[in-house]
Structures are given as structure tokens and as C-alpha cells.
């Protein structure tokens, strides 16, 4: 055989050996044994055995059952060849500690009463290109899902992860805590976060939030945060926020989220933003819906440096006791195309601002109205701003039923300003549908 051909043949064999063939591995708590081969007919008993054995491209299928184990995932997959852990039926575990890349965890039920730092979370993640999908996490002594930069909130080793379709119920502090870079947090459901879970330890600074955000370039999209109740057992004195940070947090986007914290008893805030622990700026809130809150988006520069570039665009706020946007020490802000309905309790307008060069801000094309027909309050800002719809009923489909879509005759239709940052609406419909942009989170579909 020609020498060149031999070299190519050997190189091909080496490549095949390095990539291998993807396997399907099997785990069954009732029928398995870790001395088995991990096949369908001879499954392992524990998920940890599979985590210690899996190679890039492998899929671990976990049979329905109870697995009294906390799984440590330290072996990484590879690009286009992740290691996948997939539950079949109701598969209960104590959670995952993932310090690896290219890992998928799909469809598990997770609960534990562990108090050790990493293991107390439902899922602890420090890695890249990992996917946490469609899991149910509940009744935990710490956060449901923790994306941990491990002493560096901007860690490049915690990046490009997808956290999607998870349900988090009765976690502590927050449902999901996000650090790192360019992670996507999408279509998750968080409810009933508990400040002090009964029987659990008293964590320093314990609270009851929806999600906490840090790092750079992270996106929160299509999440639902709801029913975090002051009346829930263990919530002694929580400062409840849908989204909270104290920095560092830069270039963060919130879009198409729905936050309804305390139905019937407004309380908590849409977003609490401070910069006491690092630089904060370039925050974009677009196409979100915020309902039944004590206050809206509250941005406060508590450090000597200001917070720069806060954009609040095409959101709908309904039943907010205080102003919907509160800005203190913000260098630049844009508040445009928002619908503010029953905001300010007849005393305050939609915006309260202190500090910053407000003459350079972009504020206007918003709607503020009270459902009882009385004039909105003007305290807190110079509202109405240019092109505002002031005291004009929005004609939502059914505000009392929390259906805040626009009817054909709504004055919000075509009354907004074109915004390059907003190309779709709350449901993903492209803007505009008519002669101009609509005000609020919904674009009327003709």
C-alpha cells in the first residue's frame, strides 16, 4: 500500500476512535445493578454510574422511579455530541451538580433537603453549552437552578447555556440565579419562592424572588413568574421581586416575560436593580407584562457610579400601586410605547426619576389611564410626556380577566413610535402590523 494512503487510512482510524459511536445507556433503580453493562437488557442501578461512564454523544435513559442520589457530572460532552440524561416517566432525584460542558438534563423531578453549599440547589451548574430542559424542581432549601460563576459573576467558563421549560416551585431565595455570559433563560415557570423554608437553615440575606441576574449578555425570555405570596409559610418579611440584581450585570435583556406576583393583593416589584457589588448597565425590558405589583422597574444607583442605559419599551403594566418605572442615578433611559393601566393609585404618574441627564432621555408615546375613569396622578414626573395618551381608556380585550390584548378600536393601535430594538410583540408577532407601532406588549393582529 502506498505510504500516503497508509497515513490517510491510519488518520481516519484515529479520528473514528476519538469520536466513537454514540451509545444509549440505561439506568433502572428497580431492575438495575452497577455491575451490569448499562444496556437495555442489563441496566445500571444509579444515575451516578452512568455519569461516571458516559462519553461524548451518549444518551442516558433513566427509567421511572425514585433515585435517592445527588448526581455529580464532571465528564464533558463535545460540540454536536453532548452527554444527555433523559428521564422516562416520573423520575425523582436529589438533583445534579454539573461542572462540565455540553451536558443535557431533561425531564427530571428534583427535590432535596440538603444543606451543603453546592448540593442544596436543585441543579448547580458551572459549565458551557449545557442544557437544562423541562425539569420539575420543588421544595428546596436553596435556589432551584444556580448558574454559578464561582467567585466570578462574569466567568467565561459559565457561558452559552440554555435553561428552558423548567418548573420551579417552593425554592429558596429565587427560582433561578444566573451568572456568567450569554446564557438564555427561556419559558420557565417560577412560583411560591420561600424566604425561610420550614425546617431549613436560616440563610444570610434570605429572600423570595423570581429570578436573579448577574453577568454579561444574558437573556430572560418568555418566563412566567407568579404567585410568590407574602402569606406563604416561611415568608416572614421578604422583599419580593420578579427580577433582581445588585451587580455586576451588563447587557441584560428581558423580553416576553409575564410577572404576576400577588394576584388580588398587589405587592413586590417587577425588577429591583442596584449596583452595590459591580457595574450595572444596558438593561433592556421589552414586550413584558407586569401585573399586581407594589412597584414596577426600580433602578437605584447605590454606588458612586451611575447606572447607564435603561430601556423600557413596549411593556404593559397593570395594577401597579406605585410608579411603574422608578429611576435614581440613571445616566440615560428610554421609556417608550408602554401601556400603564391602573398605575400610581391616582397619585403618581408612570415615571419617577431622580438624577441623570433627563433632558436627553427618550420618554413618550406611552399610555396611562385609570379604570375608574378618574385622571391619573401626576406626582413623580412631568407626565404627560410628548405623544402620551393620557387618561384614554386602552380598550383591552378583558383587563379584569388579565387579557391585555388590544381590541380593533383600541387607541393604542398605531399610536407608538417605531423602535429599532423592538421587532416583535409579546407573542412573537412582527411589528408593525398596521400603519405604525402599537403601544404595549401586544401588537394588534389584523
Protein backbone atom coordinates (compact mmCIF):
# COMPACT_ATOMS: atom_id res chain seq x y z
CA UNK A 1 0.00 0.00 0.00
CA UNK A 2 1.29 3.45 -0.85
CA UNK A 3 2.77 5.27 2.13
CA UNK A 4 0.47 8.31 1.68
CA UNK A 5 -2.61 6.09 1.52
CA UNK A 6 -1.49 4.27 4.67
CA UNK A 7 -1.13 7.59 6.52
CA UNK A 8 -4.60 8.72 5.46
CA UNK A 9 -6.08 5.35 6.48
CA UNK A 10 -4.40 5.47 9.91
CA UNK A 11 -5.51 9.08 10.44
CA UNK A 12 -9.06 8.06 9.61
CA UNK A 13 -8.94 5.25 12.13
CA UNK A 14 -7.62 7.64 14.77
CA UNK A 15 -10.44 10.09 14.08
CA UNK A 16 -13.04 7.33 14.29
CA UNK A 17 -11.56 6.12 17.55
CA UNK A 18 -11.55 9.62 19.03
CA UNK A 19 -15.18 10.34 18.14
CA UNK A 20 -16.51 6.85 18.72
CA UNK A 21 -20.12 5.79 18.22
CA UNK A 22 -22.88 7.35 20.28
CA UNK A 23 -24.37 4.90 22.74
CA UNK A 24 -27.67 4.65 24.56
CA UNK A 25 -27.08 3.77 28.20
CA UNK A 26 -29.81 2.57 30.56
CA UNK A 27 -30.47 3.11 34.27
CA UNK A 28 -33.23 1.44 36.27
CA UNK A 29 -33.39 1.81 40.06
CA UNK A 30 -35.57 -1.30 40.45
CA UNK A 31 -34.09 -3.71 37.94
CA UNK A 32 -30.54 -2.46 37.55
CA UNK A 33 -27.16 -3.30 39.01
CA UNK A 34 -24.00 -1.25 38.68
CA UNK A 35 -22.12 -4.40 37.81
CA UNK A 36 -24.20 -4.68 34.65
CA UNK A 37 -23.25 -3.32 31.24
CA UNK A 38 -25.68 -0.41 31.11
CA UNK A 39 -27.66 -1.89 28.22
CA UNK A 40 -31.42 -2.13 27.82
CA UNK A 41 -31.36 -5.74 28.99
CA UNK A 42 -28.71 -5.14 31.64
CA UNK A 43 -29.21 -1.62 33.08
CA UNK A 44 -27.25 0.13 35.79
CA UNK A 45 -28.91 0.96 39.08
CA UNK A 46 -27.70 4.51 39.68
CA UNK A 47 -27.52 7.61 37.55
CA UNK A 48 -24.10 8.35 39.04
CA UNK A 49 -22.73 5.16 37.48
CA UNK A 50 -23.89 6.43 34.09
CA UNK A 51 -22.43 9.90 34.73
CA UNK A 52 -19.06 8.30 35.53
CA UNK A 53 -19.17 6.14 32.41
CA UNK A 54 -20.72 8.26 29.67
CA UNK A 55 -18.71 9.53 26.71
CA UNK A 56 -19.42 12.41 24.29
CA UNK A 57 -22.53 11.67 22.26
CA UNK A 58 -24.01 9.18 24.73
CA UNK A 59 -27.63 9.34 25.87
CA UNK A 60 -28.53 8.06 29.33
CA UNK A 61 -32.16 6.91 29.60
CA UNK A 62 -33.34 6.79 33.20
CA UNK A 63 -36.36 4.62 33.97
CA UNK A 64 -39.23 5.84 36.11
CA UNK A 65 -38.58 5.53 39.81
CA UNK A 66 -37.04 7.11 42.90
CA UNK A 67 -33.29 7.70 42.87
CA UNK A 68 -32.05 8.72 46.31
CA UNK A 69 -28.87 10.22 44.94
CA UNK A 70 -27.28 13.52 44.06
CA UNK A 71 -25.55 13.22 40.68
CA UNK A 72 -22.14 14.83 40.14
CA UNK A 73 -21.49 15.34 36.42
CA UNK A 74 -17.81 16.02 35.75
CA UNK A 75 -17.31 14.34 32.36
CA UNK A 76 -17.96 16.68 29.44
CA UNK A 77 -19.59 16.02 26.12
CA UNK A 78 -18.33 17.70 22.96
CA UNK A 79 -19.67 20.11 20.31
CA UNK A 80 -22.55 18.41 18.49
CA UNK A 81 -22.04 15.41 20.81
CA UNK A 82 -23.48 16.27 24.21
CA UNK A 83 -23.95 13.78 27.01
CA UNK A 84 -27.70 13.61 27.62
CA UNK A 85 -29.50 12.47 30.77
CA UNK A 86 -33.17 11.89 29.95
CA UNK A 87 -35.90 10.83 32.36
CA UNK A 88 -38.57 8.36 31.29
CA UNK A 89 -41.75 8.93 33.29
CA UNK A 90 -41.68 10.28 36.84
CA UNK A 91 -38.02 10.09 37.78
CA UNK A 92 -37.25 11.58 41.19
CA UNK A 93 -33.70 12.57 42.19
CA UNK A 94 -31.95 14.83 44.68
CA UNK A 95 -30.54 16.92 41.86
CA UNK A 96 -27.44 17.48 39.76
CA UNK A 97 -24.11 19.22 40.35
CA UNK A 98 -22.71 19.89 36.88
CA UNK A 99 -19.14 21.08 36.42
CA UNK A 100 -18.78 20.05 32.78
CA UNK A 101 -19.58 21.23 29.26
CA UNK A 102 -22.05 20.02 26.65
CA UNK A 103 -24.41 18.31 29.11
CA UNK A 104 -28.19 17.90 28.75
CA UNK A 105 -30.55 17.18 31.67
CA UNK A 106 -34.13 16.57 30.57
CA UNK A 107 -37.38 15.81 32.36
CA UNK A 108 -36.38 15.00 35.96
CA UNK A 109 -38.25 15.72 39.16
CA UNK A 110 -35.86 17.14 41.73
CA UNK A 111 -36.27 17.81 45.43
CA UNK A 112 -33.97 17.63 48.45
CA UNK A 113 -33.41 18.94 51.93
CA UNK A 114 -29.64 19.09 51.68
CA UNK A 115 -27.81 21.99 53.35
CA UNK A 116 -24.29 21.60 51.90
CA UNK A 117 -23.41 24.61 49.69
CA UNK A 118 -23.40 23.13 46.15
CA UNK A 119 -25.74 20.25 46.83
CA UNK A 120 -28.52 22.35 48.34
CA UNK A 121 -29.55 23.67 44.91
CA UNK A 122 -31.86 21.73 42.68
CA UNK A 123 -29.33 22.00 39.85
CA UNK A 124 -25.91 23.60 40.31
CA UNK A 125 -24.22 24.45 37.02
CA UNK A 126 -20.76 25.68 36.13
CA UNK A 127 -20.03 24.92 32.50
CA UNK A 128 -20.57 25.87 28.88
CA UNK A 129 -23.13 24.83 26.27
CA UNK A 130 -25.19 22.90 28.79
CA UNK A 131 -28.97 22.48 28.52
CA UNK A 132 -31.38 22.14 31.45
CA UNK A 133 -34.76 21.31 29.94
CA UNK A 134 -38.28 20.57 31.18
CA UNK A 135 -37.44 19.59 34.75
CA UNK A 136 -39.68 20.00 37.80
CA UNK A 137 -37.80 21.31 40.83
CA UNK A 138 -39.59 21.85 44.13
CA UNK A 139 -39.30 22.17 47.91
CA UNK A 140 -35.63 23.06 48.18
CA UNK A 141 -33.53 24.76 50.84
CA UNK A 142 -31.82 26.94 48.23
CA UNK A 143 -32.32 28.11 44.62
CA UNK A 144 -33.97 25.83 42.12
CA UNK A 145 -31.33 26.35 39.42
CA UNK A 146 -27.99 28.03 40.15
CA UNK A 147 -25.72 29.13 37.31
CA UNK A 148 -22.63 29.84 39.38
CA UNK A 149 -19.61 31.78 38.20
CA UNK A 150 -17.70 30.54 41.25
CA UNK A 151 -16.37 33.89 42.54
CA UNK A 152 -16.59 35.50 39.08
CA UNK A 153 -20.08 36.57 38.02
CA UNK A 154 -18.69 37.21 34.52
CA UNK A 155 -16.88 33.88 34.28
CA UNK A 156 -16.22 32.87 30.64
CA UNK A 157 -16.37 29.26 31.85
CA UNK A 158 -20.10 29.72 32.52
CA UNK A 159 -21.50 30.62 29.11
CA UNK A 160 -23.90 29.76 26.30
CA UNK A 161 -26.16 27.62 28.47
CA UNK A 162 -29.87 27.06 27.83
CA UNK A 163 -32.28 26.86 30.77
CA UNK A 164 -35.69 26.17 29.24
CA UNK A 165 -39.12 24.83 30.12
CA UNK A 166 -38.40 24.14 33.79
CA UNK A 167 -40.94 24.50 36.57
CA UNK A 168 -39.59 25.72 39.92
CA UNK A 169 -41.92 25.62 42.92
CA UNK A 170 -41.09 26.49 46.53
CA UNK A 171 -37.38 27.13 46.12
CA UNK A 172 -35.49 29.43 48.47
CA UNK A 173 -34.19 32.95 47.65
CA UNK A 174 -35.05 32.72 43.93
CA UNK A 175 -36.23 30.21 41.41
CA UNK A 176 -33.28 30.72 39.07
CA UNK A 177 -29.99 32.54 39.79
CA UNK A 178 -27.94 33.44 36.72
CA UNK A 179 -24.30 34.46 36.42
CA UNK A 180 -21.91 34.06 33.50
CA UNK A 181 -22.12 35.13 29.87
CA UNK A 182 -24.68 34.86 27.10
CA UNK A 183 -26.95 32.35 28.78
CA UNK A 184 -30.58 32.01 27.66
CA UNK A 185 -33.27 31.58 30.34
CA UNK A 186 -36.46 30.79 28.44
CA UNK A 187 -40.04 29.59 29.03
CA UNK A 188 -39.55 28.68 32.69
CA UNK A 189 -42.27 28.84 35.37
CA UNK A 190 -41.38 30.07 38.87
CA UNK A 191 -43.85 30.30 41.74
CA UNK A 192 -44.12 30.30 45.54
CA UNK A 193 -40.48 31.09 46.32
CA UNK A 194 -39.94 30.86 50.09
CA UNK A 195 -37.69 33.09 52.18
CA UNK A 196 -37.25 30.61 55.03
CA UNK A 197 -38.37 27.10 54.01
CA UNK A 198 -39.85 25.34 57.05
CA UNK A 199 -37.23 23.08 58.61
CA UNK A 200 -34.42 24.62 56.57
CA UNK A 201 -31.41 26.68 57.64
CA UNK A 202 -31.63 30.45 58.06
CA UNK A 203 -29.52 31.68 55.13
CA UNK A 204 -27.98 35.14 55.43
CA UNK A 205 -29.90 37.63 53.29
CA UNK A 206 -32.68 35.17 52.55
CA UNK A 207 -35.43 36.47 50.28
CA UNK A 208 -38.15 35.29 47.92
CA UNK A 209 -37.58 36.42 44.32
CA UNK A 210 -38.44 35.07 40.92
CA UNK A 211 -35.06 35.27 39.20
CA UNK A 212 -31.74 36.94 39.96
CA UNK A 213 -29.44 38.17 37.23
CA UNK A 214 -25.74 38.93 37.02
CA UNK A 215 -23.01 38.62 34.41
CA UNK A 216 -23.00 39.83 30.81
CA UNK A 217 -25.23 39.31 27.81
CA UNK A 218 -27.79 37.04 29.48
CA UNK A 219 -31.33 36.86 28.09
CA UNK A 220 -34.55 36.18 30.03
CA UNK A 221 -37.32 35.34 27.57
CA UNK A 222 -40.86 34.04 27.84
CA UNK A 223 -40.69 33.16 31.55
CA UNK A 224 -43.68 33.22 33.86
CA UNK A 225 -43.14 34.35 37.45
CA UNK A 226 -46.25 34.24 39.59
CA UNK A 227 -47.84 33.65 42.98
CA UNK A 228 -44.90 34.48 45.21
CA UNK A 229 -47.04 35.20 48.21
CA UNK A 230 -46.40 37.14 51.39
CA UNK A 231 -48.86 34.74 53.01
CA UNK A 232 -46.89 31.56 52.18
CA UNK A 233 -45.49 29.77 55.22
CA UNK A 234 -41.84 30.82 55.61
CA UNK A 235 -42.18 34.27 54.07
CA UNK A 236 -41.62 36.38 57.15
CA UNK A 237 -40.51 39.70 55.65
CA UNK A 238 -39.46 39.12 52.01
CA UNK A 239 -38.68 41.90 49.54
CA UNK A 240 -40.22 40.12 46.57
CA UNK A 241 -39.00 40.93 43.05
CA UNK A 242 -39.63 39.26 39.73
CA UNK A 243 -36.05 40.06 38.67
CA UNK A 244 -33.28 41.32 40.96
CA UNK A 245 -29.59 42.20 40.79
CA UNK A 246 -27.02 44.14 42.75
CA UNK A 247 -24.34 43.73 40.11
CA UNK A 248 -22.32 43.18 38.16
CA UNK A 249 -24.89 42.95 35.35
CA UNK A 250 -24.37 44.31 31.85
CA UNK A 251 -26.23 43.95 28.56
CA UNK A 252 -29.15 42.02 30.03
CA UNK A 253 -32.38 41.57 28.05
CA UNK A 254 -35.84 40.82 29.46
CA UNK A 255 -38.44 40.05 26.83
CA UNK A 256 -41.86 38.41 26.62
CA UNK A 257 -41.93 37.58 30.33
CA UNK A 258 -45.10 37.67 32.41
CA UNK A 259 -44.90 38.56 36.09
CA UNK A 260 -47.95 38.34 38.36
CA UNK A 261 -46.66 38.07 41.91
CA UNK A 262 -49.60 38.57 44.24
CA UNK A 263 -52.98 38.21 42.50
CA UNK A 264 -55.58 40.36 44.23
CA UNK A 265 -53.06 41.80 46.70
CA UNK A 266 -50.51 43.88 44.81
CA UNK A 267 -47.03 43.69 46.29
CA UNK A 268 -43.42 43.19 45.31
CA UNK A 269 -41.66 44.75 42.33
CA UNK A 270 -41.21 43.96 38.67
CA UNK A 271 -37.44 44.41 38.86
CA UNK A 272 -35.08 45.62 41.58
CA UNK A 273 -31.74 46.85 40.25
CA UNK A 274 -28.78 48.11 42.29
CA UNK A 275 -25.06 48.39 41.59
CA UNK A 276 -23.67 47.92 45.10
CA UNK A 277 -21.46 44.96 44.05
CA UNK A 278 -20.45 45.80 40.50
CA UNK A 279 -21.13 47.68 37.29
CA UNK A 280 -24.71 47.65 36.03
CA UNK A 281 -26.00 49.00 32.73
CA UNK A 282 -27.50 48.42 29.30
CA UNK A 283 -30.68 46.80 30.59
CA UNK A 284 -33.46 46.25 28.04
CA UNK A 285 -37.04 45.47 29.07
CA UNK A 286 -39.29 44.89 26.05
CA UNK A 287 -42.63 43.20 25.47
CA UNK A 288 -43.13 42.15 29.09
CA UNK A 289 -46.35 42.06 31.12
CA UNK A 290 -46.30 43.08 34.79
CA UNK A 291 -49.47 42.67 36.89
CA UNK A 292 -50.46 43.21 40.54
CA UNK A 293 -47.28 44.71 41.97
CA UNK A 294 -46.40 47.25 44.61
CA UNK A 295 -43.93 48.92 42.22
CA UNK A 296 -42.55 48.37 38.76
CA UNK A 297 -38.97 48.53 37.47
CA UNK A 298 -36.95 50.14 40.26
CA UNK A 299 -33.38 51.06 39.30
CA UNK A 300 -31.24 52.65 42.03
CA UNK A 301 -27.55 53.56 41.75
CA UNK A 302 -26.43 52.81 45.29
CA UNK A 303 -22.71 53.02 44.43
CA UNK A 304 -20.94 56.21 43.39
CA UNK A 305 -21.14 55.25 39.72
CA UNK A 306 -24.38 55.77 37.84
CA UNK A 307 -26.33 53.07 36.05
CA UNK A 308 -26.33 53.75 32.34
CA UNK A 309 -28.74 52.93 29.54
CA UNK A 310 -32.02 51.53 30.84
CA UNK A 311 -34.64 50.91 28.14
CA UNK A 312 -38.28 50.16 28.95
CA UNK A 313 -40.03 49.60 25.62
CA UNK A 314 -43.44 48.21 24.64
CA UNK A 315 -44.34 46.72 28.02
CA UNK A 316 -47.77 46.52 29.64
CA UNK A 317 -48.15 47.37 33.34
CA UNK A 318 -51.48 46.69 35.07
CA UNK A 319 -52.45 47.30 38.70
CA UNK A 320 -49.18 48.77 40.00
CA UNK A 321 -49.57 50.71 43.25
CA UNK A 322 -46.54 52.99 42.79
CA UNK A 323 -44.92 54.36 39.61
CA UNK A 324 -44.21 51.66 37.07
CA UNK A 325 -40.69 52.97 36.39
CA UNK A 326 -38.51 54.38 39.18
CA UNK A 327 -35.04 55.58 38.24
CA UNK A 328 -32.46 57.00 40.63
CA UNK A 329 -28.96 57.83 39.41
CA UNK A 330 -29.55 56.57 35.87
CA UNK A 331 -27.40 58.30 33.27
CA UNK A 332 -29.64 57.56 30.28
CA UNK A 333 -33.08 55.99 29.92
CA UNK A 334 -35.72 55.39 27.27
CA UNK A 335 -39.35 54.78 28.29
CA UNK A 336 -41.49 54.49 25.17
CA UNK A 337 -44.53 52.63 23.81
CA UNK A 338 -45.59 51.31 27.21
CA UNK A 339 -49.17 50.84 28.43
CA UNK A 340 -49.72 51.85 32.07
CA UNK A 341 -53.19 50.88 33.30
CA UNK A 342 -54.22 51.45 36.91
CA UNK A 343 -50.70 52.58 37.78
CA UNK A 344 -49.82 55.04 40.55
CA UNK A 345 -53.00 54.81 42.63
CA UNK A 346 -54.28 58.19 41.33
CA UNK A 347 -51.33 59.93 42.98
CA UNK A 348 -48.28 59.22 40.84
CA UNK A 349 -47.60 59.03 37.14
CA UNK A 350 -45.86 56.15 35.45
CA UNK A 351 -42.35 57.57 35.89
CA UNK A 352 -40.47 58.76 38.96
CA UNK A 353 -36.91 59.86 38.25
CA UNK A 354 -34.09 61.49 40.18
CA UNK A 355 -30.64 62.31 38.84
CA UNK A 356 -29.22 61.72 35.40
CA UNK A 357 -29.41 63.99 32.37
CA UNK A 358 -33.14 63.65 31.91
CA UNK A 359 -33.29 66.20 29.12
CA UNK A 360 -31.51 63.64 26.92
CA UNK A 361 -33.84 60.78 27.81
CA UNK A 362 -36.37 59.39 25.36
CA UNK A 363 -39.74 59.41 27.16
CA UNK A 364 -43.11 59.48 25.45
CA UNK A 365 -45.62 57.62 23.31
CA UNK A 366 -46.90 55.93 26.46
CA UNK A 367 -50.45 55.45 27.72
CA UNK A 368 -51.58 56.00 31.31
CA UNK A 369 -55.18 55.53 32.35
CA UNK A 370 -57.24 54.56 35.39
CA UNK A 371 -60.05 52.04 35.02
CA UNK A 372 -62.45 54.12 37.15
CA UNK A 373 -62.31 56.99 34.66
CA UNK A 374 -60.58 59.37 37.08
CA UNK A 375 -57.45 61.25 35.91
CA UNK A 376 -54.09 59.54 36.54
CA UNK A 377 -51.80 61.02 39.15
CA UNK A 378 -49.02 63.35 38.02
CA UNK A 379 -46.73 63.08 41.03
CA UNK A 380 -43.20 61.86 40.44
CA UNK A 381 -42.55 63.19 36.94
CA UNK A 382 -43.63 65.77 34.41
CA UNK A 383 -46.17 63.50 32.73
CA UNK A 384 -47.82 63.58 30.34
CA UNK A 385 -44.76 63.44 28.10
CA UNK A 386 -44.85 64.13 24.35
CA UNK A 387 -47.31 61.96 22.42
CA UNK A 388 -48.62 60.27 25.57
CA UNK A 389 -52.20 59.01 25.61
CA UNK A 390 -53.31 60.47 28.92
CA UNK A 391 -56.46 59.26 30.62
CA UNK A 392 -57.70 57.48 27.49
CA UNK A 393 -59.14 54.00 28.06
CA UNK A 394 -56.94 51.39 26.37
CA UNK A 395 -59.80 49.05 25.37
CA UNK A 396 -58.07 45.80 26.22
CA UNK A 397 -59.90 42.57 25.44
CA UNK A 398 -60.60 41.86 29.14
CA UNK A 399 -58.38 43.62 31.65
CA UNK A 400 -60.29 42.26 34.65
CA UNK A 401 -59.61 38.78 33.31
CA UNK A 402 -55.95 39.73 32.67
CA UNK A 403 -56.32 39.52 28.91
CA UNK A 404 -54.40 42.61 27.88
CA UNK A 405 -54.53 42.15 24.12
CA UNK A 406 -55.82 45.06 22.06
CA UNK A 407 -59.29 45.28 20.53
CA UNK A 408 -59.71 46.63 16.98
CA UNK A 409 -60.81 50.05 18.24
CA UNK A 410 -58.12 50.44 20.89
CA UNK A 411 -56.46 53.87 20.79
CA UNK A 412 -53.14 52.10 21.38
CA UNK A 413 -53.21 50.68 17.84
CA UNK A 414 -50.73 52.51 15.56
CA UNK A 415 -50.05 55.14 18.26
CA UNK A 416 -46.49 54.21 19.14
CA UNK A 417 -43.14 55.25 17.77
CA UNK A 418 -41.00 52.94 15.63
CA UNK A 419 -38.26 51.36 17.73
CA UNK A 420 -35.33 49.52 16.21
CA UNK A 421 -34.96 47.47 19.39
CA UNK A 422 -38.49 46.04 19.14
CA UNK A 423 -39.28 43.92 16.09
CA UNK A 424 -41.94 41.59 17.55
CA UNK A 425 -44.57 41.63 20.29
CA UNK A 426 -45.24 39.50 23.40
CA UNK A 427 -46.33 36.54 21.28
CA UNK A 428 -43.64 36.91 18.62
CA UNK A 429 -45.85 38.67 16.07
CA UNK A 430 -43.82 41.04 13.92
CA UNK A 431 -44.18 44.80 14.38
CA UNK A 432 -45.79 46.79 12.90
CA UNK A 433 -48.96 45.09 11.68
CA UNK A 434 -50.54 48.34 10.55
CA UNK A 435 -49.52 51.90 9.78
CA UNK A 436 -47.41 52.18 12.94
CA UNK A 437 -46.24 50.51 16.13
CA UNK A 438 -48.88 49.72 18.75
CA UNK A 439 -48.44 50.74 22.39
CA UNK A 440 -48.00 47.97 24.94
CA UNK A 441 -46.76 44.40 24.86
CA UNK A 442 -49.24 43.27 22.20
CA UNK A 443 -49.42 44.25 18.53
CA UNK A 444 -52.98 44.04 17.24
CA UNK A 445 -53.22 41.29 14.60
CA UNK A 446 -55.31 42.29 11.63
